[in-house]
Amino acid sequence: MLLRPHCEIAASEVLPAIRAAVVYYLSNHYHLSNYVIAKKIGTTASTVSHYLKDKRSKLEKVNEILEDPETGKLVKLMAKKIAEDSATPEELGYLMCITCRTLMKKWQKRTCLPVPSF
């Protein structure tokens, strides 16, 4: 579609799935409460609950992300940095960008614009 650029697809389909995967991993691997996860990622406990209850992103997409060697590694790294409070916003943004680009190639068969240098 000409009037649906890559970023719009990413914002509506890919990024929510990545966030859901990070939330799922934080909850199941690090055993953090919805409140703690929400505080760490800058959202509400209700939003975290929606991610975990499959209301914001499909669980099969979350599993696909986590089981893929490339995207699973990136999501787990993001979750680790979030759980340990060791990431800067720039690092997390960069990891989200790389994960999104990877998924856009796999799911949408599209390539995004070049990654900006930091």
N, C-alpha and C. Protein backbone atom coordinates (compact mmCIF):
# COMPACT_ATOMS: atom_id res chain seq x y z
N MET A 1 0.84 -1.18 0.00
CA MET A 1 0.00 0.00 0.00
C MET A 1 0.88 1.24 0.00
N LEU A 2 0.58 2.14 -0.85
CA LEU A 2 1.40 3.33 -0.98
C LEU A 2 1.27 4.27 0.22
N LEU A 3 0.12 4.36 0.82
CA LEU A 3 -0.08 5.30 1.91
C LEU A 3 0.07 4.65 3.28
N ARG A 4 0.72 3.53 3.34
CA ARG A 4 0.99 2.88 4.62
C ARG A 4 2.48 2.58 4.71
N PRO A 5 3.27 3.57 5.15
CA PRO A 5 4.72 3.39 5.19
C PRO A 5 5.15 2.36 6.23
N HIS A 6 6.40 1.95 6.12
CA HIS A 6 6.96 0.94 7.02
C HIS A 6 6.76 1.30 8.49
N CYS A 7 7.00 2.54 8.83
CA CYS A 7 6.91 2.95 10.23
C CYS A 7 5.49 2.80 10.78
N GLU A 8 4.50 3.02 9.95
CA GLU A 8 3.12 2.86 10.40
C GLU A 8 2.82 1.38 10.67
N ILE A 9 3.28 0.52 9.81
CA ILE A 9 3.10 -0.92 10.03
C ILE A 9 3.84 -1.35 11.28
N ALA A 10 5.06 -0.87 11.43
CA ALA A 10 5.84 -1.21 12.61
C ALA A 10 5.15 -0.74 13.88
N ALA A 11 4.62 0.47 13.87
CA ALA A 11 3.99 1.04 15.07
C ALA A 11 2.72 0.30 15.45
N SER A 12 2.00 -0.20 14.48
CA SER A 12 0.72 -0.85 14.80
C SER A 12 0.81 -2.36 14.96
N GLU A 13 1.81 -2.99 14.35
CA GLU A 13 1.87 -4.45 14.37
C GLU A 13 3.12 -5.03 15.03
N VAL A 14 4.25 -4.45 14.75
CA VAL A 14 5.52 -5.04 15.18
C VAL A 14 5.91 -4.59 16.59
N LEU A 15 5.89 -3.30 16.84
CA LEU A 15 6.32 -2.80 18.15
C LEU A 15 5.46 -3.32 19.31
N PRO A 16 4.12 -3.40 19.18
CA PRO A 16 3.34 -3.99 20.28
C PRO A 16 3.73 -5.44 20.56
N ALA A 17 4.07 -6.19 19.52
CA ALA A 17 4.48 -7.58 19.71
C ALA A 17 5.82 -7.66 20.44
N ILE A 18 6.74 -6.74 20.11
CA ILE A 18 8.03 -6.71 20.80
C ILE A 18 7.83 -6.35 22.26
N ARG A 19 7.04 -5.30 22.52
CA ARG A 19 6.78 -4.92 23.91
C ARG A 19 6.15 -6.07 24.69
N ALA A 20 5.20 -6.75 24.06
CA ALA A 20 4.54 -7.88 24.72
C ALA A 20 5.55 -8.98 25.03
N ALA A 21 6.47 -9.24 24.12
CA ALA A 21 7.49 -10.27 24.34
C ALA A 21 8.40 -9.88 25.50
N VAL A 22 8.79 -8.62 25.58
CA VAL A 22 9.64 -8.15 26.67
C VAL A 22 8.88 -8.28 27.99
N VAL A 23 7.63 -7.86 28.03
CA VAL A 23 6.80 -7.96 29.24
C VAL A 23 6.64 -9.42 29.65
N TYR A 24 6.34 -10.26 28.69
CA TYR A 24 6.16 -11.69 28.97
C TYR A 24 7.42 -12.28 29.58
N TYR A 25 8.58 -11.93 29.00
CA TYR A 25 9.84 -12.47 29.51
C TYR A 25 10.16 -11.91 30.89
N LEU A 26 9.92 -10.63 31.11
CA LEU A 26 10.15 -10.05 32.44
C LEU A 26 9.28 -10.72 33.49
N SER A 27 8.05 -11.02 33.13
CA SER A 27 7.12 -11.64 34.06
C SER A 27 7.48 -13.10 34.34
N ASN A 28 7.77 -13.85 33.29
CA ASN A 28 7.98 -15.29 33.45
C ASN A 28 9.41 -15.68 33.82
N HIS A 29 10.38 -14.93 33.37
CA HIS A 29 11.78 -15.28 33.65
C HIS A 29 12.29 -14.59 34.91
N TYR A 30 11.96 -13.32 35.06
CA TYR A 30 12.45 -12.56 36.21
C TYR A 30 11.42 -12.49 37.35
N HIS A 31 10.22 -12.98 37.09
CA HIS A 31 9.15 -13.04 38.10
C HIS A 31 8.84 -11.68 38.70
N LEU A 32 8.83 -10.66 37.86
CA LEU A 32 8.50 -9.31 38.31
C LEU A 32 6.98 -9.13 38.29
N SER A 33 6.47 -8.36 39.21
CA SER A 33 5.03 -8.09 39.24
C SER A 33 4.65 -7.13 38.11
N ASN A 34 3.37 -7.09 37.79
CA ASN A 34 2.89 -6.18 36.75
C ASN A 34 3.24 -4.74 37.10
N TYR A 35 3.11 -4.39 38.38
CA TYR A 35 3.40 -3.04 38.83
C TYR A 35 4.88 -2.70 38.60
N VAL A 36 5.77 -3.61 38.98
CA VAL A 36 7.21 -3.36 38.82
C VAL A 36 7.58 -3.27 37.34
N ILE A 37 7.03 -4.16 36.53
CA ILE A 37 7.29 -4.11 35.09
C ILE A 37 6.82 -2.78 34.53
N ALA A 38 5.61 -2.38 34.90
CA ALA A 38 5.05 -1.13 34.41
C ALA A 38 5.92 0.06 34.77
N LYS A 39 6.38 0.08 35.99
CA LYS A 39 7.24 1.17 36.45
C LYS A 39 8.55 1.20 35.66
N LYS A 40 9.12 0.04 35.40
CA LYS A 40 10.39 -0.05 34.70
C LYS A 40 10.29 0.33 33.23
N ILE A 41 9.16 0.03 32.58
CA ILE A 41 9.04 0.31 31.15
C ILE A 41 8.23 1.57 30.85
N GLY A 42 7.72 2.21 31.89
CA GLY A 42 7.03 3.47 31.70
C GLY A 42 5.61 3.36 31.20
N THR A 43 4.87 2.42 31.75
CA THR A 43 3.47 2.26 31.38
C THR A 43 2.67 1.97 32.65
N THR A 44 1.46 1.48 32.51
CA THR A 44 0.63 1.15 33.67
C THR A 44 0.57 -0.35 33.89
N ALA A 45 0.23 -0.74 35.12
CA ALA A 45 0.08 -2.16 35.43
C ALA A 45 -1.05 -2.76 34.59
N SER A 46 -2.06 -1.97 34.29
CA SER A 46 -3.16 -2.43 33.46
C SER A 46 -2.69 -2.77 32.05
N THR A 47 -1.82 -1.94 31.50
CA THR A 47 -1.27 -2.22 30.17
C THR A 47 -0.44 -3.49 30.19
N VAL A 48 0.37 -3.66 31.23
CA VAL A 48 1.16 -4.89 31.37
C VAL A 48 0.24 -6.09 31.44
N SER A 49 -0.82 -5.98 32.20
CA SER A 49 -1.80 -7.07 32.30
C SER A 49 -2.40 -7.39 30.94
N HIS A 50 -2.69 -6.37 30.15
CA HIS A 50 -3.24 -6.59 28.81
C HIS A 50 -2.24 -7.32 27.92
N TYR A 51 -0.97 -6.96 28.03
CA TYR A 51 0.05 -7.68 27.25
C TYR A 51 0.08 -9.15 27.66
N LEU A 52 0.04 -9.41 28.94
CA LEU A 52 0.13 -10.79 29.44
C LEU A 52 -1.13 -11.61 29.16
N LYS A 53 -2.26 -10.93 29.03
CA LYS A 53 -3.52 -11.64 28.77
C LYS A 53 -3.87 -11.67 27.29
N ASP A 54 -2.90 -11.35 26.44
CA ASP A 54 -3.09 -11.48 24.99
C ASP A 54 -4.10 -10.48 24.43
N LYS A 55 -4.28 -9.32 25.09
CA LYS A 55 -5.23 -8.34 24.60
C LYS A 55 -4.58 -7.28 23.72
N ARG A 56 -3.27 -7.10 23.82
CA ARG A 56 -2.58 -6.08 23.03
C ARG A 56 -1.75 -6.68 21.91
N SER A 57 -1.40 -7.92 22.03
CA SER A 57 -0.60 -8.57 21.00
C SER A 57 -0.88 -10.07 21.08
N LYS A 58 -0.83 -10.71 19.96
CA LYS A 58 -1.14 -12.14 19.91
C LYS A 58 -0.01 -12.97 20.50
N LEU A 59 -0.38 -13.91 21.37
CA LEU A 59 0.59 -14.75 22.05
C LEU A 59 1.44 -15.56 21.07
N GLU A 60 0.86 -15.96 19.94
CA GLU A 60 1.66 -16.71 18.96
C GLU A 60 2.79 -15.85 18.39
N LYS A 61 2.56 -14.55 18.24
CA LYS A 61 3.62 -13.66 17.79
C LYS A 61 4.70 -13.52 18.86
N VAL A 62 4.29 -13.42 20.12
CA VAL A 62 5.23 -13.34 21.24
C VAL A 62 6.11 -14.58 21.25
N ASN A 63 5.50 -15.75 21.14
CA ASN A 63 6.26 -17.00 21.12
C ASN A 63 7.19 -17.07 19.92
N GLU A 64 6.72 -16.61 18.78
CA GLU A 64 7.55 -16.61 17.57
C GLU A 64 8.78 -15.72 17.78
N ILE A 65 8.58 -14.57 18.39
CA ILE A 65 9.70 -13.66 18.66
C ILE A 65 10.69 -14.30 19.62
N LEU A 66 10.19 -14.86 20.71
CA LEU A 66 11.07 -15.44 21.73
C LEU A 66 11.78 -16.71 21.26
N GLU A 67 11.15 -17.48 20.39
CA GLU A 67 11.74 -18.72 19.93
C GLU A 67 12.73 -18.52 18.78
N ASP A 68 12.64 -17.40 18.10
CA ASP A 68 13.57 -17.11 17.01
C ASP A 68 14.94 -16.79 17.60
N PRO A 69 16.01 -17.43 17.11
CA PRO A 69 17.33 -17.19 17.70
C PRO A 69 17.76 -15.72 17.69
N GLU A 70 17.49 -15.03 16.61
CA GLU A 70 17.93 -13.64 16.49
C GLU A 70 17.08 -12.68 17.33
N THR A 71 15.78 -12.71 17.13
CA THR A 71 14.91 -11.77 17.87
C THR A 71 14.77 -12.17 19.33
N GLY A 72 14.79 -13.46 19.61
CA GLY A 72 14.72 -13.92 21.00
C GLY A 72 15.90 -13.40 21.81
N LYS A 73 17.08 -13.44 21.21
CA LYS A 73 18.29 -12.95 21.88
C LYS A 73 18.17 -11.45 22.18
N LEU A 74 17.66 -10.68 21.22
CA LEU A 74 17.50 -9.24 21.41
C LEU A 74 16.48 -8.91 22.50
N VAL A 75 15.34 -9.60 22.48
CA VAL A 75 14.31 -9.36 23.49
C VAL A 75 14.81 -9.75 24.87
N LYS A 76 15.50 -10.86 24.96
CA LYS A 76 16.03 -11.29 26.26
C LYS A 76 17.08 -10.32 26.78
N LEU A 77 17.87 -9.75 25.89
CA LEU A 77 18.85 -8.74 26.28
C LEU A 77 18.15 -7.49 26.80
N MET A 78 17.10 -7.05 26.08
CA MET A 78 16.33 -5.89 26.55
C MET A 78 15.74 -6.16 27.92
N ALA A 79 15.15 -7.34 28.09
CA ALA A 79 14.53 -7.69 29.38
C ALA A 79 15.57 -7.71 30.49
N LYS A 80 16.73 -8.26 30.20
CA LYS A 80 17.79 -8.32 31.22
C LYS A 80 18.22 -6.91 31.63
N LYS A 81 18.43 -6.05 30.66
CA LYS A 81 18.84 -4.68 30.96
C LYS A 81 17.75 -3.94 31.74
N ILE A 82 16.50 -4.19 31.40
CA ILE A 82 15.39 -3.56 32.12
C ILE A 82 15.31 -4.09 33.54
N ALA A 83 15.39 -5.41 33.70
CA ALA A 83 15.29 -6.03 35.03
C ALA A 83 16.42 -5.57 35.95
N GLU A 84 17.60 -5.39 35.38
CA GLU A 84 18.77 -4.99 36.17
C GLU A 84 18.95 -3.47 36.24
N ASP A 85 18.05 -2.72 35.63
CA ASP A 85 18.15 -1.26 35.58
C ASP A 85 19.51 -0.81 35.04
N SER A 86 20.00 -1.52 34.03
CA SER A 86 21.33 -1.21 33.51
C SER A 86 21.32 -0.62 32.10
N ALA A 87 20.16 -0.27 31.59
CA ALA A 87 20.09 0.24 30.22
C ALA A 87 19.78 1.73 30.21
N THR A 88 20.34 2.40 29.24
CA THR A 88 19.96 3.79 28.99
C THR A 88 18.78 3.77 28.01
N PRO A 89 18.00 4.84 27.97
CA PRO A 89 16.91 4.90 26.99
C PRO A 89 17.43 4.74 25.55
N GLU A 90 18.62 5.26 25.29
CA GLU A 90 19.19 5.14 23.95
C GLU A 90 19.49 3.69 23.59
N GLU A 91 20.04 2.94 24.56
CA GLU A 91 20.33 1.52 24.32
C GLU A 91 19.05 0.75 24.04
N LEU A 92 18.03 0.99 24.86
CA LEU A 92 16.77 0.27 24.66
C LEU A 92 16.13 0.67 23.33
N GLY A 93 16.22 1.94 22.97
CA GLY A 93 15.69 2.39 21.68
C GLY A 93 16.41 1.71 20.53
N TYR A 94 17.71 1.60 20.65
CA TYR A 94 18.51 0.95 19.61
C TYR A 94 18.14 -0.53 19.50
N LEU A 95 18.02 -1.21 20.64
CA LEU A 95 17.64 -2.63 20.62
C LEU A 95 16.24 -2.83 20.05
N MET A 96 15.31 -1.92 20.40
CA MET A 96 13.95 -2.00 19.83
C MET A 96 14.01 -1.83 18.32
N CYS A 97 14.81 -0.87 17.87
CA CYS A 97 14.94 -0.59 16.44
C CYS A 97 15.49 -1.81 15.69
N ILE A 98 16.54 -2.39 16.20
CA ILE A 98 17.14 -3.57 15.54
C ILE A 98 16.15 -4.74 15.53
N THR A 99 15.46 -4.95 16.64
CA THR A 99 14.47 -6.03 16.71
C THR A 99 13.34 -5.78 15.73
N CYS A 100 12.87 -4.56 15.68
CA CYS A 100 11.79 -4.20 14.75
C CYS A 100 12.23 -4.41 13.30
N ARG A 101 13.41 -3.96 12.96
CA ARG A 101 13.92 -4.12 11.59
C ARG A 101 14.01 -5.60 11.21
N THR A 102 14.45 -6.40 12.16
CA THR A 102 14.57 -7.84 11.91
C THR A 102 13.19 -8.45 11.65
N LEU A 103 12.23 -8.07 12.48
CA LEU A 103 10.88 -8.61 12.32
C LEU A 103 10.19 -8.07 11.05
N MET A 104 10.46 -6.83 10.70
CA MET A 104 9.88 -6.28 9.46
C MET A 104 10.36 -7.09 8.26
N LYS A 105 11.63 -7.48 8.27
CA LYS A 105 12.16 -8.30 7.18
C LYS A 105 11.50 -9.67 7.16
N LYS A 106 11.34 -10.27 8.35
CA LYS A 106 10.80 -11.63 8.43
C LYS A 106 9.29 -11.67 8.19
N TRP A 107 8.57 -10.76 8.81
CA TRP A 107 7.10 -10.80 8.75
C TRP A 107 6.53 -10.07 7.55
N GLN A 108 7.09 -8.94 7.22
CA GLN A 108 6.52 -8.09 6.18
C GLN A 108 7.31 -8.15 4.87
N LYS A 109 8.48 -8.80 4.91
CA LYS A 109 9.36 -8.86 3.74
C LYS A 109 9.69 -7.44 3.24
N ARG A 110 9.92 -6.53 4.22
CA ARG A 110 10.24 -5.14 3.91
C ARG A 110 11.53 -4.74 4.60
N THR A 111 12.22 -3.83 3.96
CA THR A 111 13.45 -3.30 4.53
C THR A 111 13.23 -1.84 4.89
N CYS A 112 13.64 -1.47 6.08
CA CYS A 112 13.49 -0.09 6.55
C CYS A 112 14.64 0.77 6.03
N LEU A 113 14.54 2.04 6.28
CA LEU A 113 15.62 2.97 5.94
C LEU A 113 16.87 2.60 6.75
N PRO A 114 18.03 3.05 6.33
CA PRO A 114 19.26 2.72 7.07
C PRO A 114 19.19 3.14 8.54
N VAL A 115 19.88 2.38 9.38
CA VAL A 115 19.93 2.68 10.81
C VAL A 115 20.77 3.94 11.00
N PRO A 116 20.25 4.89 11.78
CA PRO A 116 21.06 6.08 12.05
C PRO A 116 22.23 5.71 12.94
N SER A 117 23.34 6.39 12.76
CA SER A 117 24.49 6.11 13.62
C SER A 117 24.36 6.90 14.91
N PHE A 118 24.86 6.34 15.97
CA PHE A 118 24.78 7.00 17.29
C PHE A 118 26.14 7.44 17.74
